[in-house]
PDB file of N, CA and C in Angstrom:
ATOM      1  N   MET A   1     -13.240 -41.397  -2.567  1.00  0.00           N
ATOM      2  CA  MET A   1     -13.208 -40.303  -1.615  1.00  0.00           C
ATOM      3  C   MET A   1     -13.583 -40.823  -0.232  1.00  0.00           C
ATOM      4  N   LYS A   2     -12.862 -40.367   0.771  1.00  0.00           N
ATOM      5  CA  LYS A   2     -13.116 -40.787   2.141  1.00  0.00           C
ATOM      6  C   LYS A   2     -14.419 -40.203   2.660  1.00  0.00           C
ATOM      7  N   GLU A   3     -15.154 -41.021   3.390  1.00  0.00           N
ATOM      8  CA  GLU A   3     -16.374 -40.518   4.004  1.00  0.00           C
ATOM      9  C   GLU A   3     -15.993 -39.636   5.189  1.00  0.00           C
ATOM     10  N   ARG A   4     -16.629 -38.500   5.273  1.00  0.00           N
ATOM     11  CA  ARG A   4     -16.335 -37.556   6.349  1.00  0.00           C
ATOM     12  C   ARG A   4     -16.813 -38.122   7.677  1.00  0.00           C
ATOM     13  N   GLN A   5     -15.939 -38.094   8.642  1.00  0.00           N
ATOM     14  CA  GLN A   5     -16.299 -38.568   9.971  1.00  0.00           C
ATOM     15  C   GLN A   5     -16.713 -37.374  10.826  1.00  0.00           C
ATOM     16  N   HIS A   6     -17.841 -37.515  11.468  1.00  0.00           N
ATOM     17  CA  HIS A   6     -18.339 -36.438  12.320  1.00  0.00           C
ATOM     18  C   HIS A   6     -17.829 -36.626  13.740  1.00  0.00           C
ATOM     19  N   TRP A   7     -17.638 -35.517  14.395  1.00  0.00           N
ATOM     20  CA  TRP A   7     -17.192 -35.550  15.781  1.00  0.00           C
ATOM     21  C   TRP A   7     -18.350 -35.951  16.677  1.00  0.00           C
ATOM     22  N   GLN A   8     -18.050 -36.786  17.628  1.00  0.00           N
ATOM     23  CA  GLN A   8     -19.030 -37.231  18.606  1.00  0.00           C
ATOM     24  C   GLN A   8     -18.863 -36.394  19.880  1.00  0.00           C
ATOM     25  N   PRO A   9     -19.937 -36.236  20.652  1.00  0.00           N
ATOM     26  CA  PRO A   9     -19.838 -35.457  21.897  1.00  0.00           C
ATOM     27  C   PRO A   9     -18.722 -35.949  22.825  1.00  0.00           C
ATOM     28  N   GLU A  10     -18.522 -37.246  22.877  1.00  0.00           N
ATOM     29  CA  GLU A  10     -17.460 -37.789  23.733  1.00  0.00           C
ATOM     30  C   GLU A  10     -16.078 -37.332  23.249  1.00  0.00           C
ATOM     31  N   GLU A  11     -15.901 -37.252  21.941  1.00  0.00           N
ATOM     32  CA  GLU A  11     -14.622 -36.783  21.396  1.00  0.00           C
ATOM     33  C   GLU A  11     -14.402 -35.306  21.721  1.00  0.00           C
ATOM     34  N   ASP A  12     -15.464 -34.514  21.663  1.00  0.00           N
ATOM     35  CA  ASP A  12     -15.356 -33.104  22.046  1.00  0.00           C
ATOM     36  C   ASP A  12     -14.963 -32.974  23.514  1.00  0.00           C
ATOM     37  N   ARG A  13     -15.593 -33.771  24.367  1.00  0.00           N
ATOM     38  CA  ARG A  13     -15.255 -33.735  25.799  1.00  0.00           C
ATOM     39  C   ARG A  13     -13.794 -34.122  26.015  1.00  0.00           C
ATOM     40  N   LEU A  14     -13.361 -35.141  25.299  1.00  0.00           N
ATOM     41  CA  LEU A  14     -11.984 -35.598  25.420  1.00  0.00           C
ATOM     42  C   LEU A  14     -11.005 -34.515  24.960  1.00  0.00           C
ATOM     43  N   LEU A  15     -11.315 -33.873  23.854  1.00  0.00           N
ATOM     44  CA  LEU A  15     -10.449 -32.803  23.353  1.00  0.00           C
ATOM     45  C   LEU A  15     -10.376 -31.654  24.353  1.00  0.00           C
ATOM     46  N   ARG A  16     -11.520 -31.265  24.906  1.00  0.00           N
ATOM     47  CA  ARG A  16     -11.517 -30.199  25.923  1.00  0.00           C
ATOM     48  C   ARG A  16     -10.662 -30.599  27.126  1.00  0.00           C
ATOM     49  N   THR A  17     -10.759 -31.857  27.516  1.00  0.00           N
ATOM     50  CA  THR A  17      -9.973 -32.352  28.655  1.00  0.00           C
ATOM     51  C   THR A  17      -8.481 -32.251  28.366  1.00  0.00           C
ATOM     52  N   TYR A  18      -8.067 -32.672  27.171  1.00  0.00           N
ATOM     53  CA  TYR A  18      -6.649 -32.604  26.818  1.00  0.00           C
ATOM     54  C   TYR A  18      -6.156 -31.164  26.732  1.00  0.00           C
ATOM     55  N   VAL A  19      -6.974 -30.277  26.190  1.00  0.00           N
ATOM     56  CA  VAL A  19      -6.574 -28.864  26.110  1.00  0.00           C
ATOM     57  C   VAL A  19      -6.437 -28.290  27.512  1.00  0.00           C
ATOM     58  N   LYS A  20      -7.345 -28.665  28.389  1.00  0.00           N
ATOM     59  CA  LYS A  20      -7.264 -28.190  29.773  1.00  0.00           C
ATOM     60  C   LYS A  20      -6.013 -28.755  30.456  1.00  0.00           C
ATOM     61  N   GLN A  21      -5.717 -30.008  30.181  1.00  0.00           N
ATOM     62  CA  GLN A  21      -4.573 -30.671  30.810  1.00  0.00           C
ATOM     63  C   GLN A  21      -3.239 -30.147  30.279  1.00  0.00           C
ATOM     64  N   TYR A  22      -3.112 -30.032  28.953  1.00  0.00           N
ATOM     65  CA  TYR A  22      -1.829 -29.677  28.343  1.00  0.00           C
ATOM     66  C   TYR A  22      -1.699 -28.204  27.970  1.00  0.00           C
ATOM     67  N   GLY A  23      -2.835 -27.517  27.830  1.00  0.00           N
ATOM     68  CA  GLY A  23      -2.809 -26.114  27.413  1.00  0.00           C
ATOM     69  C   GLY A  23      -3.167 -25.978  25.945  1.00  0.00           C
ATOM     70  N   PRO A  24      -3.680 -24.799  25.556  1.00  0.00           N
ATOM     71  CA  PRO A  24      -4.184 -24.606  24.193  1.00  0.00           C
ATOM     72  C   PRO A  24      -3.109 -24.450  23.119  1.00  0.00           C
ATOM     73  N   LYS A  25      -1.847 -24.563  23.483  1.00  0.00           N
ATOM     74  CA  LYS A  25      -0.780 -24.430  22.476  1.00  0.00           C
ATOM     75  C   LYS A  25       0.090 -25.679  22.382  1.00  0.00           C
ATOM     76  N   GLU A  26      -0.223 -26.683  23.142  1.00  0.00           N
ATOM     77  CA  GLU A  26       0.596 -27.902  23.170  1.00  0.00           C
ATOM     78  C   GLU A  26       0.014 -28.978  22.257  1.00  0.00           C
ATOM     79  N   TRP A  27      -0.127 -28.626  20.979  1.00  0.00           N
ATOM     80  CA  TRP A  27      -0.789 -29.533  20.039  1.00  0.00           C
ATOM     81  C   TRP A  27       0.030 -30.781  19.762  1.00  0.00           C
ATOM     82  N   HIS A  28       1.341 -30.696  19.914  1.00  0.00           N
ATOM     83  CA  HIS A  28       2.155 -31.899  19.705  1.00  0.00           C
ATOM     84  C   HIS A  28       1.840 -32.953  20.772  1.00  0.00           C
ATOM     85  N   LEU A  29       1.537 -32.521  21.982  1.00  0.00           N
ATOM     86  CA  LEU A  29       1.151 -33.469  23.038  1.00  0.00           C
ATOM     87  C   LEU A  29      -0.268 -33.995  22.809  1.00  0.00           C
ATOM     88  N   ILE A  30      -1.152 -33.092  22.438  1.00  0.00           N
ATOM     89  CA  ILE A  30      -2.542 -33.491  22.202  1.00  0.00           C
ATOM     90  C   ILE A  30      -2.619 -34.438  21.006  1.00  0.00           C
ATOM     91  N   SER A  31      -1.759 -34.220  20.014  1.00  0.00           N
ATOM     92  CA  SER A  31      -1.783 -35.074  18.819  1.00  0.00           C
ATOM     93  C   SER A  31      -1.465 -36.528  19.151  1.00  0.00           C
ATOM     94  N   GLN A  32      -0.747 -36.748  20.221  1.00  0.00           N
ATOM     95  CA  GLN A  32      -0.436 -38.117  20.629  1.00  0.00           C
ATOM     96  C   GLN A  32      -1.666 -38.814  21.211  1.00  0.00           C
ATOM     97  N   CYS A  33      -2.669 -38.032  21.585  1.00  0.00           N
ATOM     98  CA  CYS A  33      -3.874 -38.578  22.209  1.00  0.00           C
ATOM     99  C   CYS A  33      -5.072 -38.628  21.266  1.00  0.00           C
ATOM    100  N   MET A  34      -5.083 -37.773  20.262  1.00  0.00           N
ATOM    101  CA  MET A  34      -6.247 -37.652  19.378  1.00  0.00           C
ATOM    102  C   MET A  34      -5.870 -38.075  17.962  1.00  0.00           C
ATOM    103  N   GLY A  35      -6.824 -38.675  17.263  1.00  0.00           N
ATOM    104  CA  GLY A  35      -6.543 -39.147  15.918  1.00  0.00           C
ATOM    105  C   GLY A  35      -7.129 -38.297  14.807  1.00  0.00           C
ATOM    106  N   LYS A  36      -8.090 -37.449  15.108  1.00  0.00           N
ATOM    107  CA  LYS A  36      -8.759 -36.662  14.068  1.00  0.00           C
ATOM    108  C   LYS A  36      -8.148 -35.276  13.957  1.00  0.00           C
ATOM    109  N   SER A  37      -8.797 -34.431  13.232  1.00  0.00           N
ATOM    110  CA  SER A  37      -8.335 -33.059  13.026  1.00  0.00           C
ATOM    111  C   SER A  37      -8.631 -32.226  14.268  1.00  0.00           C
ATOM    112  N   TYR A  38      -7.971 -32.565  15.327  1.00  0.00           N
ATOM    113  CA  TYR A  38      -8.229 -31.971  16.639  1.00  0.00           C
ATOM    114  C   TYR A  38      -7.974 -30.471  16.666  1.00  0.00           C
ATOM    115  N   LEU A  39      -6.919 -30.013  16.000  1.00  0.00           N
ATOM    116  CA  LEU A  39      -6.603 -28.586  16.030  1.00  0.00           C
ATOM    117  C   LEU A  39      -7.684 -27.776  15.318  1.00  0.00           C
ATOM    118  N   GLU A  40      -8.114 -28.234  14.149  1.00  0.00           N
ATOM    119  CA  GLU A  40      -9.174 -27.536  13.420  1.00  0.00           C
ATOM    120  C   GLU A  40     -10.476 -27.538  14.213  1.00  0.00           C
ATOM    121  N   ARG A  41     -10.777 -28.658  14.829  1.00  0.00           N
ATOM    122  CA  ARG A  41     -11.992 -28.749  15.635  1.00  0.00           C
ATOM    123  C   ARG A  41     -11.941 -27.737  16.777  1.00  0.00           C
ATOM    124  N   TRP A  42     -10.802 -27.647  17.427  1.00  0.00           N
ATOM    125  CA  TRP A  42     -10.651 -26.710  18.538  1.00  0.00           C
ATOM    126  C   TRP A  42     -10.793 -25.270  18.050  1.00  0.00           C
ATOM    127  N   LYS A  43     -10.038 -24.922  17.009  1.00  0.00           N
ATOM    128  CA  LYS A  43     -10.037 -23.536  16.525  1.00  0.00           C
ATOM    129  C   LYS A  43     -11.394 -23.102  15.988  1.00  0.00           C
ATOM    130  N   ASN A  44     -12.101 -24.001  15.320  1.00  0.00           N
ATOM    131  CA  ASN A  44     -13.334 -23.624  14.635  1.00  0.00           C
ATOM    132  C   ASN A  44     -14.609 -23.865  15.429  1.00  0.00           C
ATOM    133  N   CYS A  45     -14.544 -24.694  16.458  1.00  0.00           N
ATOM    134  CA  CYS A  45     -15.788 -25.058  17.138  1.00  0.00           C
ATOM    135  C   CYS A  45     -15.752 -24.967  18.657  1.00  0.00           C
ATOM    136  N   LEU A  46     -14.669 -25.396  19.262  1.00  0.00           N
ATOM    137  CA  LEU A  46     -14.676 -25.568  20.714  1.00  0.00           C
ATOM    138  C   LEU A  46     -13.947 -24.486  21.501  1.00  0.00           C
ATOM    139  N   LYS A  47     -13.076 -23.752  20.864  1.00  0.00           N
ATOM    140  CA  LYS A  47     -12.280 -22.736  21.556  1.00  0.00           C
ATOM    141  C   LYS A  47     -13.197 -21.720  22.241  1.00  0.00           C
ATOM    142  N   PRO A  48     -12.968 -21.465  23.526  1.00  0.00           N
ATOM    143  CA  PRO A  48     -13.787 -20.461  24.215  1.00  0.00           C
ATOM    144  C   PRO A  48     -13.683 -19.105  23.513  1.00  0.00           C
ATOM    145  N   GLY A  49     -14.812 -18.421  23.431  1.00  0.00           N
ATOM    146  CA  GLY A  49     -14.834 -17.106  22.796  1.00  0.00           C
ATOM    147  C   GLY A  49     -15.301 -17.138  21.353  1.00  0.00           C
ATOM    148  N   ILE A  50     -15.371 -18.331  20.755  1.00  0.00           N
ATOM    149  CA  ILE A  50     -15.865 -18.435  19.381  1.00  0.00           C
ATOM    150  C   ILE A  50     -17.373 -18.234  19.412  1.00  0.00           C
ATOM    151  N   LYS A  51     -17.816 -17.282  18.646  1.00  0.00           N
ATOM    152  CA  LYS A  51     -19.234 -16.934  18.622  1.00  0.00           C
ATOM    153  C   LYS A  51     -20.022 -17.943  17.800  1.00  0.00           C
ATOM    154  N   LYS A  52     -21.141 -18.339  18.324  1.00  0.00           N
ATOM    155  CA  LYS A  52     -22.076 -19.207  17.603  1.00  0.00           C
ATOM    156  C   LYS A  52     -23.230 -18.340  17.111  1.00  0.00           C
ATOM    157  N   GLY A  53     -23.878 -18.752  16.069  1.00  0.00           N
ATOM    158  CA  GLY A  53     -25.027 -18.011  15.566  1.00  0.00           C
ATOM    159  C   GLY A  53     -24.640 -17.014  14.490  1.00  0.00           C
ATOM    160  N   SER A  54     -25.610 -16.228  14.106  1.00  0.00           N
ATOM    161  CA  SER A  54     -25.441 -15.288  12.996  1.00  0.00           C
ATOM    162  C   SER A  54     -24.570 -14.102  13.383  1.00  0.00           C
ATOM    163  N   LEU A  55     -23.958 -13.515  12.365  1.00  0.00           N
ATOM    164  CA  LEU A  55     -23.216 -12.278  12.578  1.00  0.00           C
ATOM    165  C   LEU A  55     -24.206 -11.139  12.794  1.00  0.00           C
ATOM    166  N   THR A  56     -23.849 -10.221  13.659  1.00  0.00           N
ATOM    167  CA  THR A  56     -24.684  -9.038  13.840  1.00  0.00           C
ATOM    168  C   THR A  56     -24.530  -8.145  12.607  1.00  0.00           C
ATOM    169  N   LEU A  57     -25.426  -7.196  12.462  1.00  0.00           N
ATOM    170  CA  LEU A  57     -25.335  -6.249  11.348  1.00  0.00           C
ATOM    171  C   LEU A  57     -24.014  -5.481  11.413  1.00  0.00           C
ATOM    172  N   GLU A  58     -23.611  -5.121  12.615  1.00  0.00           N
ATOM    173  CA  GLU A  58     -22.339  -4.414  12.799  1.00  0.00           C
ATOM    174  C   GLU A  58     -21.163  -5.290  12.342  1.00  0.00           C
ATOM    175  N   GLU A  59     -21.185  -6.568  12.716  1.00  0.00           N
ATOM    176  CA  GLU A  59     -20.120  -7.484  12.297  1.00  0.00           C
ATOM    177  C   GLU A  59     -20.131  -7.679  10.779  1.00  0.00           C
ATOM    178  N   GLN A  60     -21.315  -7.783  10.209  1.00  0.00           N
ATOM    179  CA  GLN A  60     -21.419  -7.932   8.754  1.00  0.00           C
ATOM    180  C   GLN A  60     -20.800  -6.738   8.041  1.00  0.00           C
ATOM    181  N   ASN A  61     -21.136  -5.546   8.505  1.00  0.00           N
ATOM    182  CA  ASN A  61     -20.576  -4.333   7.897  1.00  0.00           C
ATOM    183  C   ASN A  61     -19.063  -4.277   8.065  1.00  0.00           C
ATOM    184  N   LEU A  62     -18.588  -4.724   9.212  1.00  0.00           N
ATOM    185  CA  LEU A  62     -17.148  -4.748   9.454  1.00  0.00           C
ATOM    186  C   LEU A  62     -16.458  -5.741   8.519  1.00  0.00           C
ATOM    187  N   VAL A  63     -17.056  -6.906   8.323  1.00  0.00           N
ATOM    188  CA  VAL A  63     -16.490  -7.900   7.403  1.00  0.00           C
ATOM    189  C   VAL A  63     -16.435  -7.328   5.990  1.00  0.00           C
ATOM    190  N   ILE A  64     -17.493  -6.690   5.561  1.00  0.00           N
ATOM    191  CA  ILE A  64     -17.534  -6.105   4.214  1.00  0.00           C
ATOM    192  C   ILE A  64     -16.427  -5.059   4.062  1.00  0.00           C
ATOM    193  N   SER A  65     -16.290  -4.225   5.056  1.00  0.00           N
ATOM    194  CA  SER A  65     -15.260  -3.184   5.030  1.00  0.00           C
ATOM    195  C   SER A  65     -13.851  -3.782   5.032  1.00  0.00           C
ATOM    196  N   LEU A  66     -13.625  -4.756   5.901  1.00  0.00           N
ATOM    197  CA  LEU A  66     -12.297  -5.370   5.999  1.00  0.00           C
ATOM    198  C   LEU A  66     -11.968  -6.203   4.766  1.00  0.00           C
ATOM    199  N   GLN A  67     -12.969  -6.839   4.187  1.00  0.00           N
ATOM    200  CA  GLN A  67     -12.727  -7.624   2.980  1.00  0.00           C
ATOM    201  C   GLN A  67     -12.317  -6.699   1.835  1.00  0.00           C
ATOM    202  N   ALA A  68     -12.925  -5.523   1.767  1.00  0.00           N
ATOM    203  CA  ALA A  68     -12.551  -4.551   0.737  1.00  0.00           C
ATOM    204  C   ALA A  68     -11.097  -4.099   0.928  1.00  0.00           C
ATOM    205  N   LYS A  69     -10.674  -4.038   2.162  1.00  0.00           N
ATOM    206  CA  LYS A  69      -9.312  -3.592   2.473  1.00  0.00           C
ATOM    207  C   LYS A  69      -8.282  -4.713   2.308  1.00  0.00           C
ATOM    208  N   TYR A  70      -8.614  -5.920   2.801  1.00  0.00           N
ATOM    209  CA  TYR A  70      -7.646  -7.021   2.851  1.00  0.00           C
ATOM    210  C   TYR A  70      -7.927  -8.145   1.861  1.00  0.00           C
ATOM    211  N   ASP A  71      -8.942  -7.985   1.027  1.00  0.00           N
ATOM    212  CA  ASP A  71      -9.360  -9.034   0.095  1.00  0.00           C
ATOM    213  C   ASP A  71      -9.799 -10.257   0.913  1.00  0.00           C
ATOM    214  N   ASN A  72      -9.507 -11.445   0.466  1.00  0.00           N
ATOM    215  CA  ASN A  72      -9.973 -12.647   1.169  1.00  0.00           C
ATOM    216  C   ASN A  72      -8.928 -13.190   2.144  1.00  0.00           C
ATOM    217  N   LYS A  73      -8.234 -12.325   2.796  1.00  0.00           N
ATOM    218  CA  LYS A  73      -7.248 -12.737   3.806  1.00  0.00           C
ATOM    219  C   LYS A  73      -7.977 -12.871   5.148  1.00  0.00           C
ATOM    220  N   TRP A  74      -8.684 -13.987   5.276  1.00  0.00           N
ATOM    221  CA  TRP A  74      -9.596 -14.171   6.403  1.00  0.00           C
ATOM    222  C   TRP A  74      -8.881 -14.247   7.741  1.00  0.00           C
ATOM    223  N   LYS A  75      -7.683 -14.783   7.771  1.00  0.00           N
ATOM    224  CA  LYS A  75      -6.951 -14.821   9.048  1.00  0.00           C
ATOM    225  C   LYS A  75      -6.630 -13.406   9.517  1.00  0.00           C
ATOM    226  N   LYS A  76      -6.263 -12.557   8.594  1.00  0.00           N
ATOM    227  CA  LYS A  76      -5.986 -11.157   8.941  1.00  0.00           C
ATOM    228  C   LYS A  76      -7.269 -10.469   9.416  1.00  0.00           C
ATOM    229  N   ILE A  77      -8.366 -10.754   8.731  1.00  0.00           N
ATOM    230  CA  ILE A  77      -9.650 -10.152   9.096  1.00  0.00           C
ATOM    231  C   ILE A  77     -10.102 -10.633  10.475  1.00  0.00           C
ATOM    232  N   THR A  78      -9.877 -11.903  10.777  1.00  0.00           N
ATOM    233  CA  THR A  78     -10.287 -12.402  12.100  1.00  0.00           C
ATOM    234  C   THR A  78      -9.473 -11.772  13.222  1.00  0.00           C
ATOM    235  N   SER A  79      -8.317 -11.229  12.904  1.00  0.00           N
ATOM    236  CA  SER A  79      -7.564 -10.527  13.953  1.00  0.00           C
ATOM    237  C   SER A  79      -8.305  -9.264  14.394  1.00  0.00           C
ATOM    238  N   LYS A  80      -9.192  -8.766  13.533  1.00  0.00           N
ATOM    239  CA  LYS A  80     -10.012  -7.591  13.859  1.00  0.00           C
ATOM    240  C   LYS A  80     -11.376  -7.990  14.429  1.00  0.00           C
ATOM    241  N   ILE A  81     -11.759  -9.254  14.205  1.00  0.00           N
ATOM    242  CA  ILE A  81     -13.031  -9.787  14.713  1.00  0.00           C
ATOM    243  C   ILE A  81     -12.710 -11.124  15.391  1.00  0.00           C
ATOM    244  N   PRO A  82     -12.109 -11.093  16.570  1.00  0.00           N
ATOM    245  CA  PRO A  82     -11.589 -12.321  17.180  1.00  0.00           C
ATOM    246  C   PRO A  82     -12.635 -13.361  17.581  1.00  0.00           C
ATOM    247  N   SER A  83     -13.894 -12.976  17.649  1.00  0.00           N
ATOM    248  CA  SER A  83     -14.912 -13.959  18.033  1.00  0.00           C
ATOM    249  C   SER A  83     -15.331 -14.845  16.864  1.00  0.00           C
ATOM    250  N   CYS A  84     -14.819 -14.557  15.672  1.00  0.00           N
ATOM    251  CA  CYS A  84     -15.156 -15.341  14.481  1.00  0.00           C
ATOM    252  C   CYS A  84     -13.914 -16.049  13.954  1.00  0.00           C
ATOM    253  N   THR A  85     -14.130 -17.158  13.293  1.00  0.00           N
ATOM    254  CA  THR A  85     -13.013 -17.884  12.699  1.00  0.00           C
ATOM    255  C   THR A  85     -12.872 -17.506  11.229  1.00  0.00           C
ATOM    256  N   ALA A  86     -11.691 -17.729  10.701  1.00  0.00           N
ATOM    257  CA  ALA A  86     -11.438 -17.452   9.284  1.00  0.00           C
ATOM    258  C   ALA A  86     -12.367 -18.296   8.414  1.00  0.00           C
ATOM    259  N   LYS A  87     -12.549 -19.523   8.793  1.00  0.00           N
ATOM    260  CA  LYS A  87     -13.418 -20.425   8.036  1.00  0.00           C
ATOM    261  C   LYS A  87     -14.854 -19.900   8.009  1.00  0.00           C
ATOM    262  N   ARG A  88     -15.328 -19.475   9.153  1.00  0.00           N
ATOM    263  CA  ARG A  88     -16.699 -18.971   9.242  1.00  0.00           C
ATOM    264  C   ARG A  88     -16.889 -17.705   8.413  1.00  0.00           C
ATOM    265  N   LEU A  89     -15.928 -16.779   8.504  1.00  0.00           N
ATOM    266  CA  LEU A  89     -16.049 -15.535   7.743  1.00  0.00           C
ATOM    267  C   LEU A  89     -15.969 -15.790   6.246  1.00  0.00           C
ATOM    268  N   GLY A  90     -15.107 -16.713   5.850  1.00  0.00           N
ATOM    269  CA  GLY A  90     -15.007 -17.054   4.431  1.00  0.00           C
ATOM    270  C   GLY A  90     -16.310 -17.625   3.895  1.00  0.00           C
ATOM    271  N   LYS A  91     -16.931 -18.486   4.681  1.00  0.00           N
ATOM    272  CA  LYS A  91     -18.217 -19.057   4.268  1.00  0.00           C
ATOM    273  C   LYS A  91     -19.298 -17.980   4.229  1.00  0.00           C
ATOM    274  N   TRP A  92     -19.303 -17.123   5.250  1.00  0.00           N
ATOM    275  CA  TRP A  92     -20.288 -16.040   5.269  1.00  0.00           C
ATOM    276  C   TRP A  92     -20.127 -15.167   4.030  1.00  0.00           C
ATOM    277  N   TRP A  93     -18.890 -14.850   3.670  1.00  0.00           N
ATOM    278  CA  TRP A  93     -18.622 -13.991   2.528  1.00  0.00           C
ATOM    279  C   TRP A  93     -19.136 -14.619   1.231  1.00  0.00           C
ATOM    280  N   GLU A  94     -18.929 -15.905   1.070  1.00  0.00           N
ATOM    281  CA  GLU A  94     -19.396 -16.591  -0.143  1.00  0.00           C
ATOM    282  C   GLU A  94     -20.920 -16.515  -0.260  1.00  0.00           C
ATOM    283  N   VAL A  95     -21.614 -16.729   0.840  1.00  0.00           N
ATOM    284  CA  VAL A  95     -23.081 -16.636   0.837  1.00  0.00           C
ATOM    285  C   VAL A  95     -23.515 -15.195   0.555  1.00  0.00           C
ATOM    286  N   PHE A  96     -22.841 -14.248   1.166  1.00  0.00           N
ATOM    287  CA  PHE A  96     -23.146 -12.833   0.956  1.00  0.00           C
ATOM    288  C   PHE A  96     -22.981 -12.455  -0.519  1.00  0.00           C
ATOM    289  N   LYS A  97     -21.866 -12.865  -1.115  1.00  0.00           N
ATOM    290  CA  LYS A  97     -21.624 -12.560  -2.534  1.00  0.00           C
ATOM    291  C   LYS A  97     -22.698 -13.177  -3.423  1.00  0.00           C
ATOM    292  N   GLU A  98     -23.075 -14.395  -3.105  1.00  0.00           N
ATOM    293  CA  GLU A  98     -24.108 -15.087  -3.883  1.00  0.00           C
ATOM    294  C   GLU A  98     -25.438 -14.332  -3.810  1.00  0.00           C
ATOM    295  N   LYS A  99     -25.795 -13.874  -2.620  1.00  0.00           N
ATOM    296  CA  LYS A  99     -27.033 -13.101  -2.453  1.00  0.00           C
ATOM    297  C   LYS A  99     -26.964 -11.788  -3.225  1.00  0.00           C
ATOM    298  N   GLN A 100     -25.804 -11.138  -3.179  1.00  0.00           N
ATOM    299  CA  GLN A 100     -25.635  -9.879  -3.904  1.00  0.00           C
ATOM    300  C   GLN A 100     -25.780 -10.091  -5.406  1.00  0.00           C
ATOM    301  N   LEU A 101     -25.226 -11.175  -5.894  1.00  0.00           N
ATOM    302  CA  LEU A 101     -25.313 -11.494  -7.318  1.00  0.00           C
ATOM    303  C   LEU A 101     -26.765 -11.728  -7.737  1.00  0.00           C
ATOM    304  N   LYS A 102     -27.512 -12.442  -6.912  1.00  0.00           N
ATOM    305  CA  LYS A 102     -28.927 -12.691  -7.209  1.00  0.00           C
ATOM    306  C   LYS A 102     -29.718 -11.387  -7.229  1.00  0.00           C
ATOM    307  N   LEU A 103     -29.417 -10.494  -6.296  1.00  0.00           N
ATOM    308  CA  LEU A 103     -30.106  -9.204  -6.262  1.00  0.00           C
ATOM    309  C   LEU A 103     -29.807  -8.379  -7.511  1.00  0.00           C
ATOM    310  N   GLN A 104     -28.583  -8.437  -7.979  1.00  0.00           N
ATOM    311  CA  GLN A 104     -28.198  -7.683  -9.172  1.00  0.00           C
ATOM    312  C   GLN A 104     -28.862  -8.236 -10.425  1.00  0.00           C
ATOM    313  N   GLN A 105     -29.142  -9.524 -10.425  1.00  0.00           N
ATOM    314  CA  GLN A 105     -29.738 -10.159 -11.600  1.00  0.00           C
ATOM    315  C   GLN A 105     -31.246  -9.939 -11.683  1.00  0.00           C
ATOM    316  N   GLN A 106     -31.844  -9.441 -10.631  1.00  0.00           N
ATOM    317  CA  GLN A 106     -33.298  -9.217 -10.628  1.00  0.00           C
ATOM    318  C   GLN A 106     -33.668  -7.957 -11.365  1.00  0.00           C
TER     319      GLN A 106
END
């Protein structure tokens, strides 16, 4: 199994520079400059507007409600909560379910 490579601050700066230079939709041009999973890094970590930190209680309730409606279609759910990524909501949901299961077992 390949060892996971972590992004370095210089790589983040470089990615931001390329996105600023080419635009946030010109991934074919950026791919010629970057070797790692640049698109995932941008979408999940660096894209302006992506919220850092915990979900608010209101956001948590919205995720629970939307998950009941759309199941685990996280991309669809993020269209209703644009400050969060599908990856982040999916991870939050897994932790939430685990906590609920533990509470039920008590």
